[in-house]
Every structure is written in structure tokens, then in C-alpha cells.
Amino acid sequence: MSASSENTAEEILRRNGRSFNFARVFLKRAHGQRAARLYAFCRYIDDIADEASDVRQAKEALEQVRSQLAANLPPSPRVADFIKLAQDTNID
């Protein structure tokens, strides 16, 4: 993972997940970075659902993410980072 995507994930966690960000002080650095990346992906999914202009648009966007995860579509940078994280940490 590039430093810029790591910083982006950490910034997303600092900005949107203050209690999760605080909890990172109890983790080793590598685990904290992984937690930030996982949080950034979950926030991405949540934002798709919450910020869509209508239910149909949200469903289509979430279906695109599902297709990216299944390797039916090229992944966006956030999905690609999650796929790499999942591979590195044995997340199904």
C-alpha cells in the first residue's frame, strides 16, 4: 500500500471515527494501520448508502463494489486497498 493511501485511511479514521481512532493507542502500529484501512473501507461502504440521492442509486453503487470484490470489475482504489488488506490478514 502506498503511503498516500495509508495517510488517507488514517485521516478518514481521525476525522470520522474519533472513538475508534482513540482505541488505536492500545494497538501495535501495524495493527493500528490495518484498523484504519478497514475503517476507511467500511466508511466508504456506509457513505455510499448514506449519501446516495436515492435507493436505486445506492443499490447500483453497492452492487459495483460487490462486483469489484468478486473481481468482475476493476477495483476502485479503496476497494483495491481492502482486497490487499483482506489478503494480508486472511479476511474472507
N, C-alpha and C. Protein backbone atom coordinates (compact mmCIF):
# COMPACT_ATOMS: atom_id res chain seq x y z
N MET A 1 0.84 -1.17 0.00
CA MET A 1 0.00 0.00 0.00
C MET A 1 0.88 1.23 0.00
N SER A 2 0.49 2.23 -0.76
CA SER A 2 1.29 3.44 -0.82
C SER A 2 1.08 4.28 0.43
N ALA A 3 2.06 5.13 0.69
CA ALA A 3 1.96 6.00 1.87
C ALA A 3 0.75 6.92 1.76
N SER A 4 0.43 7.36 0.54
CA SER A 4 -0.70 8.28 0.40
C SER A 4 -2.03 7.60 0.72
N SER A 5 -2.22 6.34 0.32
CA SER A 5 -3.47 5.67 0.66
C SER A 5 -3.52 5.35 2.15
N GLU A 6 -2.37 5.06 2.75
CA GLU A 6 -2.34 4.83 4.19
C GLU A 6 -2.71 6.11 4.92
N ASN A 7 -2.13 7.23 4.51
CA ASN A 7 -2.45 8.51 5.15
C ASN A 7 -3.91 8.85 4.95
N THR A 8 -4.45 8.57 3.80
CA THR A 8 -5.86 8.81 3.56
C THR A 8 -6.70 7.99 4.52
N ALA A 9 -6.40 6.72 4.68
CA ALA A 9 -7.15 5.86 5.59
C ALA A 9 -7.03 6.37 7.02
N GLU A 10 -5.83 6.77 7.41
CA GLU A 10 -5.64 7.28 8.77
C GLU A 10 -6.38 8.60 8.96
N GLU A 11 -6.39 9.44 7.96
CA GLU A 11 -7.11 10.71 8.05
C GLU A 11 -8.63 10.47 8.13
N ILE A 12 -9.12 9.52 7.37
CA ILE A 12 -10.55 9.17 7.44
C ILE A 12 -10.90 8.71 8.84
N LEU A 13 -10.05 7.89 9.43
CA LEU A 13 -10.30 7.42 10.79
C LEU A 13 -10.26 8.58 11.78
N ARG A 14 -9.27 9.45 11.67
CA ARG A 14 -9.17 10.59 12.60
C ARG A 14 -10.39 11.50 12.48
N ARG A 15 -10.83 11.75 11.26
CA ARG A 15 -11.92 12.69 11.01
C ARG A 15 -13.28 12.11 11.38
N ASN A 16 -13.52 10.83 11.10
CA ASN A 16 -14.86 10.26 11.23
C ASN A 16 -15.02 9.24 12.35
N GLY A 17 -13.94 8.71 12.83
CA GLY A 17 -14.05 7.65 13.83
C GLY A 17 -13.25 7.98 15.08
N ARG A 18 -13.61 9.05 15.73
CA ARG A 18 -12.79 9.52 16.85
C ARG A 18 -12.61 8.47 17.94
N SER A 19 -13.68 7.76 18.31
CA SER A 19 -13.51 6.76 19.37
C SER A 19 -12.68 5.58 18.88
N PHE A 20 -12.85 5.18 17.61
CA PHE A 20 -12.02 4.11 17.06
C PHE A 20 -10.57 4.58 16.97
N ASN A 21 -10.39 5.84 16.58
CA ASN A 21 -9.04 6.38 16.49
C ASN A 21 -8.37 6.38 17.86
N PHE A 22 -9.09 6.77 18.89
CA PHE A 22 -8.54 6.74 20.25
C PHE A 22 -8.15 5.32 20.65
N ALA A 23 -8.99 4.35 20.31
CA ALA A 23 -8.73 2.95 20.69
C ALA A 23 -7.44 2.42 20.07
N ARG A 24 -7.00 3.04 18.98
CA ARG A 24 -5.77 2.58 18.32
C ARG A 24 -4.54 2.70 19.21
N VAL A 25 -4.58 3.56 20.21
CA VAL A 25 -3.40 3.71 21.07
C VAL A 25 -3.08 2.42 21.80
N PHE A 26 -4.05 1.51 21.87
CA PHE A 26 -3.84 0.24 22.55
C PHE A 26 -3.33 -0.85 21.60
N LEU A 27 -3.16 -0.52 20.34
CA LEU A 27 -2.71 -1.49 19.34
C LEU A 27 -1.27 -1.21 18.94
N LYS A 28 -0.61 -2.23 18.46
CA LYS A 28 0.69 -2.02 17.84
C LYS A 28 0.50 -1.20 16.58
N ARG A 29 1.54 -0.52 16.14
CA ARG A 29 1.46 0.37 14.98
C ARG A 29 0.87 -0.33 13.75
N ALA A 30 1.37 -1.52 13.43
CA ALA A 30 0.89 -2.24 12.23
C ALA A 30 -0.59 -2.57 12.35
N HIS A 31 -1.02 -2.97 13.54
CA HIS A 31 -2.44 -3.28 13.73
C HIS A 31 -3.29 -2.02 13.63
N GLY A 32 -2.77 -0.91 14.15
CA GLY A 32 -3.47 0.36 14.05
C GLY A 32 -3.64 0.81 12.62
N GLN A 33 -2.60 0.61 11.81
CA GLN A 33 -2.69 0.97 10.39
C GLN A 33 -3.71 0.09 9.68
N ARG A 34 -3.71 -1.18 9.99
CA ARG A 34 -4.70 -2.09 9.39
C ARG A 34 -6.11 -1.71 9.82
N ALA A 35 -6.27 -1.37 11.09
CA ALA A 35 -7.58 -0.95 11.58
C ALA A 35 -8.06 0.30 10.85
N ALA A 36 -7.16 1.23 10.60
CA ALA A 36 -7.52 2.45 9.86
C ALA A 36 -7.97 2.11 8.45
N ARG A 37 -7.27 1.20 7.80
CA ARG A 37 -7.63 0.80 6.44
C ARG A 37 -8.99 0.11 6.41
N LEU A 38 -9.24 -0.77 7.38
CA LEU A 38 -10.53 -1.44 7.46
C LEU A 38 -11.64 -0.43 7.73
N TYR A 39 -11.40 0.49 8.65
CA TYR A 39 -12.38 1.52 8.95
C TYR A 39 -12.68 2.35 7.70
N ALA A 40 -11.64 2.73 6.95
CA ALA A 40 -11.83 3.54 5.75
C ALA A 40 -12.70 2.81 4.73
N PHE A 41 -12.51 1.50 4.59
CA PHE A 41 -13.35 0.74 3.66
C PHE A 41 -14.79 0.69 4.16
N CYS A 42 -14.98 0.41 5.43
CA CYS A 42 -16.34 0.36 5.98
C CYS A 42 -17.03 1.72 5.87
N ARG A 43 -16.28 2.79 6.11
CA ARG A 43 -16.82 4.15 5.98
C ARG A 43 -17.23 4.40 4.52
N TYR A 44 -16.40 3.93 3.58
CA TYR A 44 -16.68 4.07 2.15
C TYR A 44 -18.02 3.41 1.81
N ILE A 45 -18.23 2.20 2.29
CA ILE A 45 -19.48 1.48 2.04
C ILE A 45 -20.65 2.22 2.69
N ASP A 46 -20.48 2.64 3.92
CA ASP A 46 -21.52 3.37 4.64
C ASP A 46 -21.87 4.67 3.92
N ASP A 47 -20.87 5.38 3.44
CA ASP A 47 -21.12 6.64 2.73
C ASP A 47 -21.86 6.41 1.42
N ILE A 48 -21.56 5.32 0.73
CA ILE A 48 -22.30 5.01 -0.50
C ILE A 48 -23.79 4.91 -0.18
N ALA A 49 -24.11 4.19 0.87
CA ALA A 49 -25.51 4.00 1.25
C ALA A 49 -26.14 5.30 1.75
N ASP A 50 -25.42 6.03 2.57
CA ASP A 50 -25.99 7.22 3.21
C ASP A 50 -26.07 8.44 2.29
N GLU A 51 -25.15 8.56 1.34
CA GLU A 51 -25.05 9.77 0.54
C GLU A 51 -25.67 9.66 -0.85
N ALA A 52 -26.20 8.52 -1.19
CA ALA A 52 -26.84 8.36 -2.50
C ALA A 52 -28.09 9.22 -2.56
N SER A 53 -28.40 9.69 -3.76
CA SER A 53 -29.58 10.55 -3.91
C SER A 53 -30.88 9.76 -3.83
N ASP A 54 -30.81 8.44 -4.10
CA ASP A 54 -32.00 7.59 -3.95
C ASP A 54 -31.57 6.15 -3.73
N VAL A 55 -32.53 5.33 -3.37
CA VAL A 55 -32.25 3.93 -3.04
C VAL A 55 -31.69 3.18 -4.24
N ARG A 56 -32.22 3.43 -5.42
CA ARG A 56 -31.75 2.74 -6.62
C ARG A 56 -30.27 3.05 -6.88
N GLN A 57 -29.90 4.31 -6.74
CA GLN A 57 -28.51 4.70 -6.95
C GLN A 57 -27.60 4.02 -5.92
N ALA A 58 -28.03 3.95 -4.67
CA ALA A 58 -27.24 3.29 -3.63
C ALA A 58 -27.06 1.82 -3.95
N LYS A 59 -28.15 1.16 -4.34
CA LYS A 59 -28.06 -0.27 -4.67
C LYS A 59 -27.11 -0.51 -5.83
N GLU A 60 -27.17 0.34 -6.86
CA GLU A 60 -26.27 0.18 -8.01
C GLU A 60 -24.81 0.37 -7.60
N ALA A 61 -24.55 1.38 -6.79
CA ALA A 61 -23.18 1.64 -6.35
C ALA A 61 -22.65 0.49 -5.49
N LEU A 62 -23.50 -0.01 -4.59
CA LEU A 62 -23.08 -1.13 -3.76
C LEU A 62 -22.89 -2.40 -4.59
N GLU A 63 -23.69 -2.58 -5.60
CA GLU A 63 -23.52 -3.73 -6.49
C GLU A 63 -22.20 -3.62 -7.25
N GLN A 64 -21.80 -2.41 -7.62
CA GLN A 64 -20.50 -2.23 -8.27
C GLN A 64 -19.37 -2.65 -7.33
N VAL A 65 -19.47 -2.27 -6.07
CA VAL A 65 -18.45 -2.68 -5.10
C VAL A 65 -18.42 -4.19 -4.98
N ARG A 66 -19.60 -4.80 -4.91
CA ARG A 66 -19.66 -6.27 -4.83
C ARG A 66 -18.98 -6.89 -6.05
N SER A 67 -19.21 -6.35 -7.23
CA SER A 67 -18.57 -6.86 -8.44
C SER A 67 -17.07 -6.65 -8.42
N GLN A 68 -16.63 -5.53 -7.85
CA GLN A 68 -15.20 -5.29 -7.73
C GLN A 68 -14.56 -6.30 -6.78
N LEU A 69 -15.24 -6.59 -5.69
CA LEU A 69 -14.72 -7.57 -4.74
C LEU A 69 -14.67 -8.97 -5.33
N ALA A 70 -15.60 -9.28 -6.20
CA ALA A 70 -15.64 -10.59 -6.85
C ALA A 70 -14.74 -10.65 -8.07
N ALA A 71 -14.03 -9.56 -8.35
CA ALA A 71 -13.11 -9.46 -9.49
C ALA A 71 -13.82 -9.45 -10.83
N ASN A 72 -15.09 -9.08 -10.84
CA ASN A 72 -15.81 -8.95 -12.10
C ASN A 72 -15.61 -7.57 -12.73
N LEU A 73 -15.18 -6.61 -11.93
CA LEU A 73 -14.87 -5.25 -12.39
C LEU A 73 -13.52 -4.85 -11.81
N PRO A 74 -12.77 -3.98 -12.52
CA PRO A 74 -11.53 -3.48 -11.91
C PRO A 74 -11.86 -2.70 -10.64
N PRO A 75 -11.11 -2.91 -9.57
CA PRO A 75 -11.45 -2.26 -8.31
C PRO A 75 -11.06 -0.79 -8.28
N SER A 76 -11.86 -0.02 -7.55
CA SER A 76 -11.51 1.37 -7.26
C SER A 76 -10.32 1.33 -6.28
N PRO A 77 -9.64 2.44 -6.08
CA PRO A 77 -8.51 2.43 -5.14
C PRO A 77 -8.90 1.96 -3.73
N ARG A 78 -10.05 2.38 -3.21
CA ARG A 78 -10.46 1.99 -1.85
C ARG A 78 -10.75 0.49 -1.80
N VAL A 79 -11.41 -0.05 -2.83
CA VAL A 79 -11.70 -1.48 -2.87
C VAL A 79 -10.40 -2.27 -3.06
N ALA A 80 -9.51 -1.78 -3.90
CA ALA A 80 -8.23 -2.47 -4.11
C ALA A 80 -7.44 -2.54 -2.81
N ASP A 81 -7.46 -1.46 -2.02
CA ASP A 81 -6.74 -1.47 -0.75
C ASP A 81 -7.37 -2.47 0.21
N PHE A 82 -8.70 -2.55 0.23
CA PHE A 82 -9.36 -3.53 1.09
C PHE A 82 -9.02 -4.95 0.65
N ILE A 83 -9.02 -5.21 -0.65
CA ILE A 83 -8.67 -6.54 -1.15
C ILE A 83 -7.26 -6.92 -0.69
N LYS A 84 -6.32 -5.99 -0.79
CA LYS A 84 -4.95 -6.24 -0.35
C LYS A 84 -4.92 -6.50 1.16
N LEU A 85 -5.64 -5.69 1.93
CA LEU A 85 -5.71 -5.88 3.38
C LEU A 85 -6.30 -7.25 3.70
N ALA A 86 -7.36 -7.64 3.01
CA ALA A 86 -8.00 -8.93 3.25
C ALA A 86 -7.04 -10.07 2.95
N GLN A 87 -6.28 -9.95 1.88
CA GLN A 87 -5.31 -10.98 1.54
C GLN A 87 -4.20 -11.06 2.60
N ASP A 88 -3.73 -9.90 3.03
CA ASP A 88 -2.63 -9.86 4.02
C ASP A 88 -3.03 -10.36 5.38
N THR A 89 -4.32 -10.27 5.71
CA THR A 89 -4.76 -10.61 7.06
C THR A 89 -5.73 -11.81 7.10
N ASN A 90 -5.87 -12.47 5.96
CA ASN A 90 -6.74 -13.65 5.84
C ASN A 90 -8.20 -13.37 6.17
N ILE A 91 -8.69 -12.20 5.74
CA ILE A 91 -10.13 -11.90 5.87
C ILE A 91 -10.81 -12.56 4.67
N ASP A 92 -11.87 -13.33 4.95
CA ASP A 92 -12.61 -13.96 3.85
C ASP A 92 -13.28 -12.91 2.98
